[in-house]
Amino acid sequence: MDLNELKKTWDKLASAQDLDENQIRGMLGKRTKNVMERIDRNIKIGFIVLFALILVFSLDDFWLSPMLLKGFAENLTIPGWLVILDLFCNLLIIATFIHFVVKYYRIRKICDVACNLKDALLKIINTLHIYQRLFYFTLIALLFAIGSGFVMGMYEGFRYGVREQGIVLSEIEPEKLFFAVFIGLLILVVSVGAIFLFLRWGFRRLYGNYIHQLKATLKELEEIDE
């Protein structure tokens, strides 16, 4: 440890000794309040992001994809089960977020009246953990729906091309077929991976980072109790 680091450590210890237990609890309570205010702000941002995502998915399901299919071939349509799967994913996204918001604000309301700081931290951390699990479950369902739609589109497009051009499958060179499948799967993996990383990054920015901050505050509070 160099001289500068030693000075910083000593300053922290000296300042901590000047504070009594109630002052430290007050500082931790203020820090928790600031984090919760940021979560409140991010919930509003989450509503906007959620509305935009649902709007994009709905436009794709009921307008863009059917229009592209009609432009490609009149007799091509989106399978009914795929539309139902997409609708289920949209409803699941909405239900998951609303469940989190209702539970979070219910805890905030209760703790404003009858919770101490430690109980409030435990309840909020638990709520964020539950939402994190639900988020990833919903994300997996969404990526499955996207992947299913992509694979179905490849299959229908290939089958339509073979039928319209009168190609016999046995006459297609295996290398060309393998290359086409490989390119399609590569596009699928890159697209799904990019969506997953983007949404995971967005979740961590909005809520995930605050779990660590609240846990750190809880740990400091427990150290005071000891």
Protein backbone atom coordinates (compact mmCIF):
# COMPACT_ATOMS: atom_id res chain seq x y z
CA MET A 1 0.00 0.00 0.00
CA ASP A 2 1.50 3.38 -1.01
CA LEU A 3 1.31 6.62 0.96
CA ASN A 4 -1.76 7.98 -0.90
CA GLU A 5 -3.77 4.81 -0.34
CA LEU A 6 -2.78 4.81 3.34
CA LYS A 7 -4.01 8.40 3.70
CA LYS A 8 -7.33 7.56 2.02
CA THR A 9 -7.85 4.55 4.29
CA TRP A 10 -7.02 6.59 7.40
CA ASP A 11 -9.39 9.38 6.33
CA LYS A 12 -12.22 6.87 5.90
CA LEU A 13 -11.57 5.32 9.31
CA ALA A 14 -11.31 8.69 10.98
CA SER A 15 -14.55 9.93 9.44
CA ALA A 16 -16.33 6.70 10.36
CA GLN A 17 -15.31 7.06 14.00
CA ASP A 18 -16.93 10.48 14.13
CA LEU A 19 -20.30 9.01 13.16
CA ASP A 20 -22.56 7.22 15.61
CA GLU A 21 -24.79 4.30 14.72
CA ASN A 22 -27.89 6.42 14.06
CA GLN A 23 -25.99 8.70 11.68
CA ILE A 24 -24.65 5.71 9.74
CA ARG A 25 -28.16 4.24 9.53
CA GLY A 26 -29.38 7.60 8.28
CA MET A 27 -26.72 7.64 5.57
CA LEU A 28 -27.61 4.09 4.51
CA GLY A 29 -31.30 5.00 4.51
CA LYS A 30 -30.60 8.01 2.29
CA ARG A 31 -28.56 5.84 -0.08
CA THR A 32 -31.39 3.30 -0.25
CA LYS A 33 -33.89 6.08 -0.93
CA ASN A 34 -31.74 7.38 -3.80
CA VAL A 35 -31.52 3.90 -5.33
CA MET A 36 -35.28 3.43 -5.02
CA GLU A 37 -35.88 6.80 -6.66
CA ARG A 38 -33.72 5.65 -9.58
CA ILE A 39 -35.69 2.41 -9.78
CA ASP A 40 -38.93 4.47 -9.81
CA ARG A 41 -37.53 6.50 -12.70
CA ASN A 42 -36.45 3.39 -14.56
CA ILE A 43 -39.87 1.81 -14.14
CA LYS A 44 -41.29 4.74 -16.11
CA ILE A 45 -38.58 4.24 -18.73
CA GLY A 46 -39.46 0.53 -18.71
CA PHE A 47 -43.08 1.34 -19.54
CA ILE A 48 -41.97 3.35 -22.56
CA VAL A 49 -39.54 0.64 -23.74
CA LEU A 50 -42.18 -2.06 -23.20
CA PHE A 51 -44.79 -0.11 -25.17
CA ALA A 52 -42.29 0.41 -28.02
CA LEU A 53 -41.36 -3.30 -28.10
CA ILE A 54 -44.95 -4.49 -28.09
CA LEU A 55 -45.80 -1.98 -30.82
CA VAL A 56 -42.90 -3.21 -32.99
CA PHE A 57 -43.76 -6.88 -32.43
CA SER A 58 -47.45 -6.30 -33.14
CA LEU A 59 -46.74 -4.34 -36.32
CA ASP A 60 -44.43 -7.12 -37.47
CA ASP A 61 -46.96 -9.89 -36.69
CA PHE A 62 -50.06 -8.26 -38.15
CA TRP A 63 -48.77 -5.89 -40.82
CA LEU A 64 -45.13 -6.14 -41.93
CA SER A 65 -44.72 -9.93 -42.16
CA PRO A 66 -48.08 -10.54 -43.92
CA MET A 67 -47.31 -7.70 -46.35
CA LEU A 68 -43.87 -9.17 -47.17
CA LEU A 69 -45.37 -12.62 -47.67
CA LYS A 70 -48.02 -11.28 -50.03
CA GLY A 71 -45.33 -9.47 -51.97
CA PHE A 72 -43.43 -12.73 -52.27
CA ALA A 73 -46.37 -15.01 -53.04
CA GLU A 74 -50.14 -14.65 -52.71
CA ASN A 75 -50.71 -18.12 -51.28
CA LEU A 76 -48.13 -17.84 -48.49
CA THR A 77 -49.52 -17.05 -45.02
CA ILE A 78 -48.23 -17.01 -41.47
CA PRO A 79 -49.20 -20.23 -39.64
CA GLY A 80 -51.87 -19.69 -37.02
CA TRP A 81 -49.84 -21.36 -34.26
CA LEU A 82 -46.99 -18.92 -34.87
CA VAL A 83 -49.31 -15.92 -34.51
CA ILE A 84 -50.67 -17.40 -31.27
CA LEU A 85 -47.12 -17.99 -29.99
CA ASP A 86 -46.13 -14.39 -30.74
CA LEU A 87 -49.29 -13.11 -29.05
CA PHE A 88 -48.57 -15.29 -26.01
CA CYS A 89 -45.03 -13.86 -25.76
CA ASN A 90 -46.34 -10.30 -25.97
CA LEU A 91 -48.87 -10.96 -23.21
CA LEU A 92 -46.19 -12.68 -21.13
CA ILE A 93 -43.90 -9.65 -21.41
CA ILE A 94 -46.70 -7.31 -20.31
CA ALA A 95 -47.85 -9.58 -17.46
CA THR A 96 -44.29 -10.03 -16.14
CA PHE A 97 -43.59 -6.32 -16.04
CA ILE A 98 -46.94 -5.40 -14.49
CA HIS A 99 -46.48 -8.13 -11.84
CA PHE A 100 -43.11 -6.63 -10.91
CA VAL A 101 -44.40 -3.05 -10.79
CA VAL A 102 -47.44 -3.94 -8.64
CA LYS A 103 -45.37 -5.99 -6.19
CA TYR A 104 -42.62 -3.36 -6.00
CA TYR A 105 -44.97 -0.46 -5.24
CA ARG A 106 -46.94 -2.58 -2.78
CA ILE A 107 -43.73 -3.22 -0.86
CA ARG A 108 -42.80 0.45 -1.01
CA LYS A 109 -46.20 1.47 0.32
CA ILE A 110 -46.09 -1.05 3.17
CA CYS A 111 -42.51 -0.23 4.11
CA ASP A 112 -43.17 3.51 4.13
CA VAL A 113 -45.55 2.83 7.02
CA ALA A 114 -44.34 -0.21 8.97
CA CYS A 115 -40.96 -1.49 7.66
CA ASN A 116 -37.52 -0.84 9.05
CA LEU A 117 -34.64 -0.29 6.66
CA LYS A 118 -33.38 -3.88 6.78
CA ASP A 119 -36.81 -5.39 6.05
CA ALA A 120 -37.34 -2.93 3.21
CA LEU A 121 -34.00 -3.85 1.64
CA LEU A 122 -34.67 -7.58 1.94
CA LYS A 123 -38.14 -7.27 0.39
CA ILE A 124 -36.99 -5.07 -2.50
CA ILE A 125 -33.96 -7.26 -3.26
CA ASN A 126 -36.21 -10.34 -3.25
CA THR A 127 -38.68 -8.61 -5.59
CA LEU A 128 -35.91 -7.64 -8.02
CA HIS A 129 -34.56 -11.20 -7.96
CA ILE A 130 -38.00 -12.62 -8.78
CA TYR A 131 -38.41 -10.13 -11.61
CA GLN A 132 -34.93 -11.01 -12.89
CA ARG A 133 -35.91 -14.71 -13.10
CA LEU A 134 -39.23 -13.87 -14.78
CA PHE A 135 -37.46 -11.56 -17.21
CA TYR A 136 -35.05 -14.25 -18.36
CA PHE A 137 -37.87 -16.79 -18.64
CA THR A 138 -39.82 -14.32 -20.79
CA LEU A 139 -36.72 -13.53 -22.82
CA ILE A 140 -36.17 -17.24 -23.56
CA ALA A 141 -39.82 -17.58 -24.66
CA LEU A 142 -39.46 -14.52 -26.89
CA LEU A 143 -36.26 -15.79 -28.50
CA PHE A 144 -37.89 -19.19 -29.04
CA ALA A 145 -40.80 -17.48 -30.84
CA ILE A 146 -38.39 -15.43 -32.98
CA GLY A 147 -36.33 -18.52 -33.80
CA SER A 148 -39.42 -20.58 -34.64
CA GLY A 149 -40.70 -17.85 -36.95
CA PHE A 150 -37.34 -17.57 -38.69
CA VAL A 151 -36.99 -21.34 -39.22
CA MET A 152 -40.60 -21.62 -40.41
CA GLY A 153 -40.02 -18.76 -42.84
CA MET A 154 -36.90 -20.46 -44.23
CA TYR A 155 -38.73 -23.75 -44.61
CA GLU A 156 -41.80 -22.26 -46.30
CA GLY A 157 -39.65 -20.14 -48.61
CA PHE A 158 -37.56 -23.13 -49.61
CA ARG A 159 -40.60 -25.33 -50.14
CA TYR A 160 -42.32 -22.64 -52.21
CA GLY A 161 -39.22 -22.14 -54.38
CA VAL A 162 -38.88 -25.87 -55.00
CA ARG A 163 -42.56 -26.22 -55.87
CA GLU A 164 -42.75 -23.17 -58.15
CA GLN A 165 -39.58 -23.96 -60.06
CA GLY A 166 -40.28 -27.67 -60.30
CA ILE A 167 -37.01 -28.65 -58.67
CA VAL A 168 -36.57 -32.25 -57.54
CA LEU A 169 -34.93 -32.39 -54.10
CA SER A 170 -32.68 -35.28 -55.12
CA GLU A 171 -31.23 -33.10 -57.85
CA ILE A 172 -30.08 -30.37 -55.47
CA GLU A 173 -26.37 -30.56 -54.75
CA PRO A 174 -25.80 -31.42 -51.05
CA GLU A 175 -23.06 -28.79 -50.78
CA LYS A 176 -25.39 -26.00 -51.91
CA LEU A 177 -28.17 -27.20 -49.61
CA PHE A 178 -25.77 -27.42 -46.68
CA PHE A 179 -24.40 -23.94 -47.43
CA ALA A 180 -27.91 -22.44 -47.58
CA VAL A 181 -28.87 -24.07 -44.27
CA PHE A 182 -25.59 -22.96 -42.68
CA ILE A 183 -26.06 -19.33 -43.76
CA GLY A 184 -29.64 -19.36 -42.50
CA LEU A 185 -28.67 -20.78 -39.11
CA LEU A 186 -25.76 -18.34 -38.85
CA ILE A 187 -28.11 -15.40 -39.43
CA LEU A 188 -30.50 -16.85 -36.85
CA VAL A 189 -27.81 -17.34 -34.20
CA VAL A 190 -26.33 -13.86 -34.73
CA SER A 191 -29.77 -12.19 -34.69
CA VAL A 192 -31.02 -14.05 -31.61
CA GLY A 193 -27.69 -13.54 -29.83
CA ALA A 194 -27.74 -9.80 -30.56
CA ILE A 195 -31.32 -9.47 -29.29
CA PHE A 196 -30.48 -11.44 -26.14
CA LEU A 197 -27.39 -9.36 -25.35
CA PHE A 198 -29.21 -6.09 -26.04
CA LEU A 199 -32.20 -6.93 -23.82
CA ARG A 200 -29.98 -8.32 -21.06
CA TRP A 201 -27.88 -5.14 -21.20
CA GLY A 202 -31.07 -3.05 -21.01
CA PHE A 203 -32.34 -5.00 -17.98
CA ARG A 204 -29.05 -4.63 -16.16
CA ARG A 205 -28.99 -0.90 -16.86
CA LEU A 206 -32.54 -0.41 -15.63
CA TYR A 207 -32.66 -2.78 -12.64
CA GLY A 208 -29.83 -5.33 -12.39
CA ASN A 209 -27.11 -2.94 -11.21
CA TYR A 210 -29.29 -1.77 -8.33
CA ILE A 211 -29.50 -5.30 -6.91
CA HIS A 212 -25.76 -5.15 -6.19
CA GLN A 213 -26.04 -1.67 -4.68
CA LEU A 214 -28.91 -2.69 -2.40
CA LYS A 215 -27.03 -5.85 -1.36
CA ALA A 216 -23.97 -3.77 -0.49
CA THR A 217 -26.13 -1.44 1.63
CA LEU A 218 -27.75 -4.44 3.35
CA LYS A 219 -24.33 -5.91 4.13
CA GLU A 220 -23.18 -2.63 5.70
CA LEU A 221 -26.37 -2.49 7.74
CA GLU A 222 -25.84 -6.05 8.99
CA GLU A 223 -22.26 -5.18 9.97
CA ILE A 224 -23.61 -2.32 12.12
CA ASP A 225 -26.07 -4.69 13.82
CA GLU A 226 -23.24 -7.05 14.65
